[in-house]
């Protein structure tokens, strides 16, 4: 028997079942990715140590909202409103869509979300290859990073001075 749905218009029960199954599969996958990412971002080694800490850093997002999102991959999990997702994303310095990029990294969430969607850039250095950098010990890597940072700051200051003089 047909019925009226304010979102879909006049539909038969059979059609609604098909739409419902497609939406359910899509939303289940999205909620699973969101829950996995939130569990990376919150907890040991994450951006925030707990749901309460994430809530304190958020504007109007409660601890219970973080509880629901982190358990979104469980059976019977409820959906979350877009405005809540926006608040959660802002707490991590992200856009909403980035919360749904699989495998987000807790210490650099924005960079890891961009990296998985952008085309990788070619390695810019000729003599300092990625292989040589990866072969360094952690202490050596920190020294290289510090030295490179000093050089880059100098170049940035030169560029800013040139712009100011124009």
C-alpha atoms as a PDB file:
ATOM      1  CA  UNK A   1       0.000   0.000   0.000  1.00  0.00           C
ATOM      2  CA  UNK A   2       1.470   3.391  -0.976  1.00  0.00           C
ATOM      3  CA  UNK A   3       2.081   6.084   1.651  1.00  0.00           C
ATOM      4  CA  UNK A   4       3.402   9.641   1.707  1.00  0.00           C
ATOM      5  CA  UNK A   5       6.881  10.295   3.076  1.00  0.00           C
ATOM      6  CA  UNK A   6       7.806  13.981   3.419  1.00  0.00           C
ATOM      7  CA  UNK A   7      11.373  13.294   2.213  1.00  0.00           C
ATOM      8  CA  UNK A   8      10.713  10.790  -0.570  1.00  0.00           C
ATOM      9  CA  UNK A   9       7.144  11.645  -1.661  1.00  0.00           C
ATOM     10  CA  UNK A  10       4.653   8.890  -2.471  1.00  0.00           C
ATOM     11  CA  UNK A  11       6.336   5.525  -2.122  1.00  0.00           C
ATOM     12  CA  UNK A  12       5.296   1.939  -1.856  1.00  0.00           C
ATOM     13  CA  UNK A  13       6.357  -0.164   1.107  1.00  0.00           C
ATOM     14  CA  UNK A  14       8.561  -2.268  -1.170  1.00  0.00           C
ATOM     15  CA  UNK A  15      10.460   0.797  -2.468  1.00  0.00           C
ATOM     16  CA  UNK A  16      10.944   2.095   1.062  1.00  0.00           C
ATOM     17  CA  UNK A  17      12.574  -1.175   2.134  1.00  0.00           C
ATOM     18  CA  UNK A  18      15.105  -0.865  -0.705  1.00  0.00           C
ATOM     19  CA  UNK A  19      15.900   2.775   0.135  1.00  0.00           C
ATOM     20  CA  UNK A  20      16.112   1.925   3.804  1.00  0.00           C
ATOM     21  CA  UNK A  21      18.619  -0.897   3.184  1.00  0.00           C
ATOM     22  CA  UNK A  22      20.859   1.315   1.032  1.00  0.00           C
ATOM     23  CA  UNK A  23      20.831   4.161   3.539  1.00  0.00           C
ATOM     24  CA  UNK A  24      21.462   1.765   6.406  1.00  0.00           C
ATOM     25  CA  UNK A  25      24.513   0.162   4.752  1.00  0.00           C
ATOM     26  CA  UNK A  26      25.977   3.556   3.860  1.00  0.00           C
ATOM     27  CA  UNK A  27      25.382   5.048   7.313  1.00  0.00           C
ATOM     28  CA  UNK A  28      26.721   1.934   9.073  1.00  0.00           C
ATOM     29  CA  UNK A  29      30.016   2.246   7.191  1.00  0.00           C
ATOM     30  CA  UNK A  30      30.239   5.981   7.905  1.00  0.00           C
ATOM     31  CA  UNK A  31      29.503   5.475  11.607  1.00  0.00           C
ATOM     32  CA  UNK A  32      32.119   2.712  11.782  1.00  0.00           C
ATOM     33  CA  UNK A  33      34.810   4.967  10.257  1.00  0.00           C
ATOM     34  CA  UNK A  34      33.782   7.855  12.511  1.00  0.00           C
ATOM     35  CA  UNK A  35      33.902   5.654  15.630  1.00  0.00           C
ATOM     36  CA  UNK A  36      37.311   4.230  14.678  1.00  0.00           C
ATOM     37  CA  UNK A  37      38.721   7.719  14.080  1.00  0.00           C
ATOM     38  CA  UNK A  38      37.282   9.099  17.306  1.00  0.00           C
ATOM     39  CA  UNK A  39      38.786   6.173  19.217  1.00  0.00           C
ATOM     40  CA  UNK A  40      42.165   7.051  17.693  1.00  0.00           C
ATOM     41  CA  UNK A  41      41.748  10.743  18.540  1.00  0.00           C
ATOM     42  CA  UNK A  42      40.497  10.229  22.107  1.00  0.00           C
ATOM     43  CA  UNK A  43      42.198   7.972  24.631  1.00  0.00           C
ATOM     44  CA  UNK A  44      45.764   6.799  25.259  1.00  0.00           C
ATOM     45  CA  UNK A  45      48.073   8.384  22.694  1.00  0.00           C
ATOM     46  CA  UNK A  46      45.224  10.452  21.266  1.00  0.00           C
ATOM     47  CA  UNK A  47      44.659  14.176  20.920  1.00  0.00           C
ATOM     48  CA  UNK A  48      42.559  14.174  24.119  1.00  0.00           C
ATOM     49  CA  UNK A  49      42.891  11.715  26.999  1.00  0.00           C
ATOM     50  CA  UNK A  50      39.164  11.177  27.536  1.00  0.00           C
ATOM     51  CA  UNK A  51      35.671  12.080  26.375  1.00  0.00           C
ATOM     52  CA  UNK A  52      35.477  14.556  29.250  1.00  0.00           C
ATOM     53  CA  UNK A  53      38.705  16.267  28.117  1.00  0.00           C
ATOM     54  CA  UNK A  54      37.439  16.445  24.527  1.00  0.00           C
ATOM     55  CA  UNK A  55      34.131  17.861  25.754  1.00  0.00           C
ATOM     56  CA  UNK A  56      35.922  20.518  27.824  1.00  0.00           C
ATOM     57  CA  UNK A  57      37.826  21.608  24.706  1.00  0.00           C
ATOM     58  CA  UNK A  58      34.656  21.662  22.577  1.00  0.00           C
ATOM     59  CA  UNK A  59      32.115  24.419  22.278  1.00  0.00           C
ATOM     60  CA  UNK A  60      28.844  22.888  23.432  1.00  0.00           C
ATOM     61  CA  UNK A  61      29.612  19.217  22.708  1.00  0.00           C
ATOM     62  CA  UNK A  62      28.839  17.077  25.743  1.00  0.00           C
ATOM     63  CA  UNK A  63      30.721  14.059  27.031  1.00  0.00           C
ATOM     64  CA  UNK A  64      27.707  11.888  26.252  1.00  0.00           C
ATOM     65  CA  UNK A  65      27.877  12.982  22.596  1.00  0.00           C
ATOM     66  CA  UNK A  66      31.486  11.799  22.475  1.00  0.00           C
ATOM     67  CA  UNK A  67      30.374   8.538  24.153  1.00  0.00           C
ATOM     68  CA  UNK A  68      27.764   7.975  21.422  1.00  0.00           C
ATOM     69  CA  UNK A  69      30.156   8.821  18.582  1.00  0.00           C
ATOM     70  CA  UNK A  70      32.919   6.565  19.905  1.00  0.00           C
ATOM     71  CA  UNK A  71      30.404   3.691  20.182  1.00  0.00           C
ATOM     72  CA  UNK A  72      28.857   4.378  16.772  1.00  0.00           C
ATOM     73  CA  UNK A  73      30.198   1.137  15.340  1.00  0.00           C
ATOM     74  CA  UNK A  74      28.204  -0.930  17.865  1.00  0.00           C
ATOM     75  CA  UNK A  75      24.813  -2.460  17.089  1.00  0.00           C
ATOM     76  CA  UNK A  76      21.957  -0.110  17.891  1.00  0.00           C
ATOM     77  CA  UNK A  77      24.110   3.018  17.760  1.00  0.00           C
ATOM     78  CA  UNK A  78      22.223   6.221  17.114  1.00  0.00           C
ATOM     79  CA  UNK A  79      22.872   8.801  14.414  1.00  0.00           C
ATOM     80  CA  UNK A  80      24.490  12.146  15.179  1.00  0.00           C
ATOM     81  CA  UNK A  81      23.404  15.592  14.017  1.00  0.00           C
ATOM     82  CA  UNK A  82      25.553  17.583  11.584  1.00  0.00           C
ATOM     83  CA  UNK A  83      25.901  20.517  13.999  1.00  0.00           C
ATOM     84  CA  UNK A  84      27.361  18.129  16.593  1.00  0.00           C
ATOM     85  CA  UNK A  85      29.807  16.761  14.021  1.00  0.00           C
ATOM     86  CA  UNK A  86      30.843  20.322  13.189  1.00  0.00           C
ATOM     87  CA  UNK A  87      31.586  21.043  16.853  1.00  0.00           C
ATOM     88  CA  UNK A  88      33.558  17.808  17.202  1.00  0.00           C
ATOM     89  CA  UNK A  89      35.571  18.540  14.059  1.00  0.00           C
ATOM     90  CA  UNK A  90      36.420  22.039  15.307  1.00  0.00           C
ATOM     91  CA  UNK A  91      37.725  20.603  18.588  1.00  0.00           C
ATOM     92  CA  UNK A  92      40.365  18.759  16.552  1.00  0.00           C
ATOM     93  CA  UNK A  93      41.011  21.544  14.030  1.00  0.00           C
ATOM     94  CA  UNK A  94      39.262  19.591  11.274  1.00  0.00           C
ATOM     95  CA  UNK A  95      36.454  19.949   8.772  1.00  0.00           C
ATOM     96  CA  UNK A  96      33.530  17.532   9.188  1.00  0.00           C
ATOM     97  CA  UNK A  97      34.427  15.503   6.087  1.00  0.00           C
ATOM     98  CA  UNK A  98      37.885  14.804   7.521  1.00  0.00           C
ATOM     99  CA  UNK A  99      36.335  12.862  10.415  1.00  0.00           C
ATOM    100  CA  UNK A 100      35.220  10.281   7.831  1.00  0.00           C
ATOM    101  CA  UNK A 101      38.623   9.681   6.230  1.00  0.00           C
ATOM    102  CA  UNK A 102      39.703   6.171   7.314  1.00  0.00           C
ATOM    103  CA  UNK A 103      42.846   5.837   9.432  1.00  0.00           C
ATOM    104  CA  UNK A 104      43.197   9.370  10.772  1.00  0.00           C
ATOM    105  CA  UNK A 105      46.362   9.916  12.852  1.00  0.00           C
ATOM    106  CA  UNK A 106      45.838  11.219  16.409  1.00  0.00           C
ATOM    107  CA  UNK A 107      48.800  13.608  16.568  1.00  0.00           C
ATOM    108  CA  UNK A 108      48.307  15.106  13.098  1.00  0.00           C
ATOM    109  CA  UNK A 109      44.640  14.546  12.270  1.00  0.00           C
ATOM    110  CA  UNK A 110      44.285  17.327   9.692  1.00  0.00           C
ATOM    111  CA  UNK A 111      47.463  16.362   7.847  1.00  0.00           C
ATOM    112  CA  UNK A 112      46.599  12.667   7.782  1.00  0.00           C
ATOM    113  CA  UNK A 113      43.067  13.370   6.556  1.00  0.00           C
ATOM    114  CA  UNK A 114      44.418  15.584   3.758  1.00  0.00           C
ATOM    115  CA  UNK A 115      47.216  13.163   2.909  1.00  0.00           C
ATOM    116  CA  UNK A 116      44.826  10.324   2.245  1.00  0.00           C
ATOM    117  CA  UNK A 117      42.746  12.387  -0.189  1.00  0.00           C
ATOM    118  CA  UNK A 118      45.412  14.479  -1.926  1.00  0.00           C
ATOM    119  CA  UNK A 119      47.740  13.320  -4.664  1.00  0.00           C
ATOM    120  CA  UNK A 120      51.151  12.788  -3.062  1.00  0.00           C
ATOM    121  CA  UNK A 121      53.739  15.380  -3.924  1.00  0.00           C
ATOM    122  CA  UNK A 122      57.071  14.224  -5.353  1.00  0.00           C
ATOM    123  CA  UNK A 123      60.002  14.219  -2.918  1.00  0.00           C
ATOM    124  CA  UNK A 124      61.472  17.749  -3.244  1.00  0.00           C
ATOM    125  CA  UNK A 125      65.064  17.044  -2.185  1.00  0.00           C
ATOM    126  CA  UNK A 126      67.658  15.514  -4.523  1.00  0.00           C
ATOM    127  CA  UNK A 127      70.584  14.710  -2.197  1.00  0.00           C
ATOM    128  CA  UNK A 128      68.596  14.055   0.980  1.00  0.00           C
ATOM    129  CA  UNK A 129      66.454  11.181  -0.214  1.00  0.00           C
ATOM    130  CA  UNK A 130      63.565   9.757   1.766  1.00  0.00           C
ATOM    131  CA  UNK A 131      65.490   6.490   2.140  1.00  0.00           C
ATOM    132  CA  UNK A 132      68.445   8.298   3.729  1.00  0.00           C
ATOM    133  CA  UNK A 133      66.117  10.166   6.094  1.00  0.00           C
ATOM    134  CA  UNK A 134      64.302   6.957   7.114  1.00  0.00           C
ATOM    135  CA  UNK A 135      67.652   5.291   7.904  1.00  0.00           C
ATOM    136  CA  UNK A 136      68.461   7.854  10.640  1.00  0.00           C
ATOM    137  CA  UNK A 137      68.123   7.090  14.336  1.00  0.00           C
ATOM    138  CA  UNK A 138      65.476   9.082  16.239  1.00  0.00           C
ATOM    139  CA  UNK A 139      68.195  11.307  17.767  1.00  0.00           C
ATOM    140  CA  UNK A 140      69.744  11.965  14.351  1.00  0.00           C
ATOM    141  CA  UNK A 141      66.321  12.676  12.901  1.00  0.00           C
ATOM    142  CA  UNK A 142      65.648  15.287  15.618  1.00  0.00           C
ATOM    143  CA  UNK A 143      68.988  16.969  14.800  1.00  0.00           C
ATOM    144  CA  UNK A 144      68.169  17.079  11.081  1.00  0.00           C
ATOM    145  CA  UNK A 145      64.693  18.400  11.838  1.00  0.00           C
ATOM    146  CA  UNK A 146      66.088  21.125  14.129  1.00  0.00           C
ATOM    147  CA  UNK A 147      68.732  22.180  11.578  1.00  0.00           C
ATOM    148  CA  UNK A 148      66.208  22.253   8.753  1.00  0.00           C
ATOM    149  CA  UNK A 149      63.787  24.258  10.898  1.00  0.00           C
ATOM    150  CA  UNK A 150      66.484  26.923  11.543  1.00  0.00           C
ATOM    151  CA  UNK A 151      67.213  27.150   7.812  1.00  0.00           C
ATOM    152  CA  UNK A 152      63.533  27.355   6.857  1.00  0.00           C
ATOM    153  CA  UNK A 153      62.892  30.101   9.429  1.00  0.00           C
ATOM    154  CA  UNK A 154      65.756  32.075   7.914  1.00  0.00           C
ATOM    155  CA  UNK A 155      64.359  31.665   4.395  1.00  0.00           C
ATOM    156  CA  UNK A 156      60.874  32.646   5.605  1.00  0.00           C
ATOM    157  CA  UNK A 157      62.286  35.793   7.253  1.00  0.00           C
ATOM    158  CA  UNK A 158      64.096  36.705   3.999  1.00  0.00           C
ATOM    159  CA  UNK A 159      60.889  36.246   2.006  1.00  0.00           C
ATOM    160  CA  UNK A 160      58.889  38.356   4.474  1.00  0.00           C
ATOM    161  CA  UNK A 161      61.543  41.100   4.394  1.00  0.00           C
ATOM    162  CA  UNK A 162      61.426  41.165   0.578  1.00  0.00           C
ATOM    163  CA  UNK A 163      57.611  41.468   0.637  1.00  0.00           C
ATOM    164  CA  UNK A 164      57.800  44.292   3.203  1.00  0.00           C
ATOM    165  CA  UNK A 165      60.338  46.232   1.145  1.00  0.00           C
ATOM    166  CA  UNK A 166      58.089  46.245  -1.953  1.00  0.00           C
END
